[in-house]
Amino acid sequence: MRIDGYLDERYEPPAPFVRATVLSKDLELRHVVNFHVDTGAAVTTLLDKDVKRLKIDLEKLKRAERGCLRKHG
């Protein structure tokens, strides 16, 4: 599978992004979001500003099966 992306020149060095559609039947959501590509990341998250822009009701979200942060040691 090929996923096309782009380099955002506003960053130094230019940062890689992909455009993806976020879908949720439960939230009645279908919206395009630009995701920063971080090949070392263990999880993918939406920024607070994207949650506001998409008008996601946080009360309707299910709790994650595992947390985003892990304790070291």
N, C-alpha and C. Protein backbone atom coordinates (compact mmCIF):
# COMPACT_ATOMS: atom_id res chain seq x y z
N MET A 1 0.84 -1.17 0.00
CA MET A 1 0.00 0.00 0.00
C MET A 1 0.89 1.24 0.00
N ARG A 2 0.51 2.21 -0.74
CA ARG A 2 1.24 3.47 -0.79
C ARG A 2 0.41 4.55 -0.12
N ILE A 3 1.04 5.29 0.78
CA ILE A 3 0.38 6.40 1.45
C ILE A 3 1.13 7.67 1.08
N ASP A 4 0.46 8.56 0.38
CA ASP A 4 1.09 9.81 -0.03
C ASP A 4 1.08 10.81 1.11
N GLY A 5 2.16 11.55 1.25
CA GLY A 5 2.26 12.58 2.27
C GLY A 5 2.88 13.83 1.69
N TYR A 6 3.24 14.74 2.56
CA TYR A 6 3.87 15.98 2.11
C TYR A 6 4.78 16.49 3.21
N LEU A 7 5.70 17.37 2.84
CA LEU A 7 6.58 18.04 3.80
C LEU A 7 6.04 19.43 4.05
N ASP A 8 5.83 19.76 5.31
CA ASP A 8 5.36 21.10 5.69
C ASP A 8 6.59 21.97 5.89
N GLU A 9 6.78 22.91 5.00
CA GLU A 9 7.95 23.78 4.99
C GLU A 9 7.94 24.82 6.11
N ARG A 10 6.85 24.92 6.85
CA ARG A 10 6.80 25.88 7.96
C ARG A 10 7.66 25.44 9.13
N TYR A 11 8.06 24.17 9.13
CA TYR A 11 8.91 23.63 10.20
C TYR A 11 10.36 23.59 9.75
N GLU A 12 11.26 23.64 10.70
CA GLU A 12 12.69 23.55 10.41
C GLU A 12 13.28 22.41 11.22
N PRO A 13 13.70 21.32 10.65
CA PRO A 13 13.59 21.02 9.21
C PRO A 13 12.14 20.75 8.83
N PRO A 14 11.83 20.75 7.52
CA PRO A 14 10.46 20.47 7.09
C PRO A 14 9.95 19.15 7.68
N ALA A 15 8.70 19.15 8.14
CA ALA A 15 8.13 18.00 8.84
C ALA A 15 7.19 17.21 7.93
N PRO A 16 7.26 15.86 8.02
CA PRO A 16 6.39 15.03 7.18
C PRO A 16 4.98 14.90 7.77
N PHE A 17 3.98 14.99 6.90
CA PHE A 17 2.58 14.87 7.29
C PHE A 17 1.85 13.98 6.30
N VAL A 18 0.77 13.38 6.75
CA VAL A 18 -0.17 12.68 5.88
C VAL A 18 -1.56 13.22 6.20
N ARG A 19 -2.40 13.22 5.20
CA ARG A 19 -3.79 13.66 5.37
C ARG A 19 -4.65 12.40 5.46
N ALA A 20 -5.45 12.30 6.51
CA ALA A 20 -6.28 11.11 6.71
C ALA A 20 -7.69 11.52 7.13
N THR A 21 -8.64 10.67 6.84
CA THR A 21 -10.01 10.90 7.25
C THR A 21 -10.27 10.17 8.56
N VAL A 22 -10.74 10.90 9.56
CA VAL A 22 -11.10 10.34 10.85
C VAL A 22 -12.59 10.02 10.79
N LEU A 23 -12.92 8.73 11.02
CA LEU A 23 -14.30 8.28 10.94
C LEU A 23 -14.76 7.70 12.28
N SER A 24 -15.98 8.02 12.67
CA SER A 24 -16.58 7.41 13.85
C SER A 24 -18.10 7.43 13.69
N LYS A 25 -18.68 6.24 13.60
CA LYS A 25 -20.16 6.14 13.52
C LYS A 25 -20.78 6.61 14.83
N ASP A 26 -20.17 6.20 15.96
CA ASP A 26 -20.72 6.56 17.27
C ASP A 26 -20.77 8.07 17.48
N LEU A 27 -19.74 8.78 16.98
CA LEU A 27 -19.67 10.23 17.16
C LEU A 27 -20.24 10.98 15.96
N GLU A 28 -20.72 10.21 14.95
CA GLU A 28 -21.22 10.82 13.71
C GLU A 28 -20.17 11.77 13.15
N LEU A 29 -18.98 11.24 12.98
CA LEU A 29 -17.82 12.06 12.61
C LEU A 29 -17.18 11.54 11.34
N ARG A 30 -16.90 12.43 10.42
CA ARG A 30 -16.13 12.13 9.22
C ARG A 30 -15.44 13.43 8.83
N HIS A 31 -14.13 13.50 9.11
CA HIS A 31 -13.42 14.74 8.88
C HIS A 31 -11.96 14.46 8.54
N VAL A 32 -11.40 15.30 7.66
CA VAL A 32 -10.00 15.16 7.27
C VAL A 32 -9.11 15.86 8.29
N VAL A 33 -8.04 15.16 8.69
CA VAL A 33 -7.07 15.70 9.66
C VAL A 33 -5.68 15.47 9.10
N ASN A 34 -4.79 16.44 9.30
CA ASN A 34 -3.39 16.30 8.91
C ASN A 34 -2.62 15.74 10.10
N PHE A 35 -1.98 14.59 9.91
CA PHE A 35 -1.22 13.95 10.97
C PHE A 35 0.27 14.10 10.73
N HIS A 36 1.01 14.52 11.75
CA HIS A 36 2.47 14.57 11.69
C HIS A 36 2.99 13.15 11.79
N VAL A 37 3.87 12.76 10.89
CA VAL A 37 4.41 11.41 10.87
C VAL A 37 5.62 11.34 11.80
N ASP A 38 5.52 10.48 12.80
CA ASP A 38 6.62 10.24 13.74
C ASP A 38 6.83 8.74 13.79
N THR A 39 7.81 8.24 13.07
CA THR A 39 8.01 6.80 12.95
C THR A 39 8.44 6.15 14.26
N GLY A 40 8.85 6.96 15.26
CA GLY A 40 9.24 6.41 16.55
C GLY A 40 8.12 6.41 17.57
N ALA A 41 6.95 6.92 17.19
CA ALA A 41 5.84 7.03 18.14
C ALA A 41 5.15 5.68 18.33
N ALA A 42 4.74 5.40 19.56
CA ALA A 42 4.04 4.16 19.87
C ALA A 42 2.53 4.30 19.68
N VAL A 43 2.01 5.52 19.71
CA VAL A 43 0.58 5.77 19.56
C VAL A 43 0.36 6.99 18.68
N THR A 44 -0.86 7.13 18.20
CA THR A 44 -1.26 8.30 17.43
C THR A 44 -2.35 9.02 18.21
N THR A 45 -2.26 10.32 18.30
CA THR A 45 -3.24 11.09 19.06
C THR A 45 -3.72 12.28 18.24
N LEU A 46 -4.87 12.82 18.63
CA LEU A 46 -5.36 14.07 18.08
C LEU A 46 -4.99 15.19 19.03
N LEU A 47 -4.60 16.32 18.48
CA LEU A 47 -4.31 17.48 19.31
C LEU A 47 -5.61 18.08 19.85
N ASP A 48 -5.50 18.79 20.97
CA ASP A 48 -6.66 19.47 21.56
C ASP A 48 -7.36 20.35 20.54
N LYS A 49 -6.57 21.07 19.72
CA LYS A 49 -7.18 21.98 18.75
C LYS A 49 -7.99 21.22 17.70
N ASP A 50 -7.55 19.99 17.36
CA ASP A 50 -8.33 19.18 16.41
C ASP A 50 -9.62 18.68 17.04
N VAL A 51 -9.58 18.30 18.31
CA VAL A 51 -10.77 17.86 19.03
C VAL A 51 -11.80 18.99 19.04
N LYS A 52 -11.36 20.21 19.29
CA LYS A 52 -12.27 21.37 19.30
C LYS A 52 -12.81 21.64 17.90
N ARG A 53 -11.93 21.60 16.90
CA ARG A 53 -12.33 21.89 15.52
C ARG A 53 -13.33 20.86 15.01
N LEU A 54 -13.15 19.60 15.42
CA LEU A 54 -14.05 18.53 15.00
C LEU A 54 -15.30 18.45 15.87
N LYS A 55 -15.34 19.27 16.93
CA LYS A 55 -16.48 19.31 17.86
C LYS A 55 -16.77 17.93 18.45
N ILE A 56 -15.69 17.27 18.92
CA ILE A 56 -15.83 15.95 19.53
C ILE A 56 -16.26 16.12 20.98
N ASP A 57 -17.36 15.46 21.34
CA ASP A 57 -17.86 15.49 22.71
C ASP A 57 -17.06 14.45 23.51
N LEU A 58 -16.16 14.91 24.36
CA LEU A 58 -15.29 14.01 25.11
C LEU A 58 -16.06 13.06 26.01
N GLU A 59 -17.26 13.44 26.42
CA GLU A 59 -18.08 12.59 27.28
C GLU A 59 -18.54 11.32 26.55
N LYS A 60 -18.58 11.37 25.22
CA LYS A 60 -19.03 10.22 24.43
C LYS A 60 -17.90 9.23 24.12
N LEU A 61 -16.66 9.59 24.44
CA LEU A 61 -15.53 8.72 24.13
C LEU A 61 -15.40 7.59 25.14
N LYS A 62 -14.96 6.44 24.65
CA LYS A 62 -14.70 5.30 25.53
C LYS A 62 -13.29 5.44 26.09
N ARG A 63 -13.08 4.94 27.28
CA ARG A 63 -11.76 4.97 27.90
C ARG A 63 -10.83 4.04 27.14
N ALA A 64 -9.59 4.48 26.93
CA ALA A 64 -8.60 3.68 26.23
C ALA A 64 -8.31 2.40 26.98
N GLU A 65 -8.06 1.31 26.25
CA GLU A 65 -7.72 0.04 26.89
C GLU A 65 -6.36 0.10 27.56
N ARG A 66 -5.49 0.95 27.06
CA ARG A 66 -4.18 1.18 27.68
C ARG A 66 -3.86 2.65 27.60
N GLY A 67 -3.06 3.13 28.53
CA GLY A 67 -2.71 4.54 28.54
C GLY A 67 -1.71 4.89 27.45
N CYS A 68 -1.60 6.17 27.18
CA CYS A 68 -0.64 6.64 26.18
C CYS A 68 0.77 6.73 26.75
N LEU A 69 0.85 6.95 28.05
CA LEU A 69 2.16 7.10 28.70
C LEU A 69 2.52 5.84 29.45
N ARG A 70 3.79 5.49 29.41
CA ARG A 70 4.26 4.33 30.17
C ARG A 70 5.27 4.78 31.19
N LYS A 71 5.22 4.17 32.34
CA LYS A 71 6.19 4.47 33.40
C LYS A 71 7.48 3.73 33.10
N HIS A 72 8.59 4.43 33.27
CA HIS A 72 9.90 3.81 33.07
C HIS A 72 10.45 3.34 34.40
N GLY A 73 11.11 2.16 34.38
CA GLY A 73 11.81 1.71 35.57
C GLY A 73 11.11 0.74 36.40
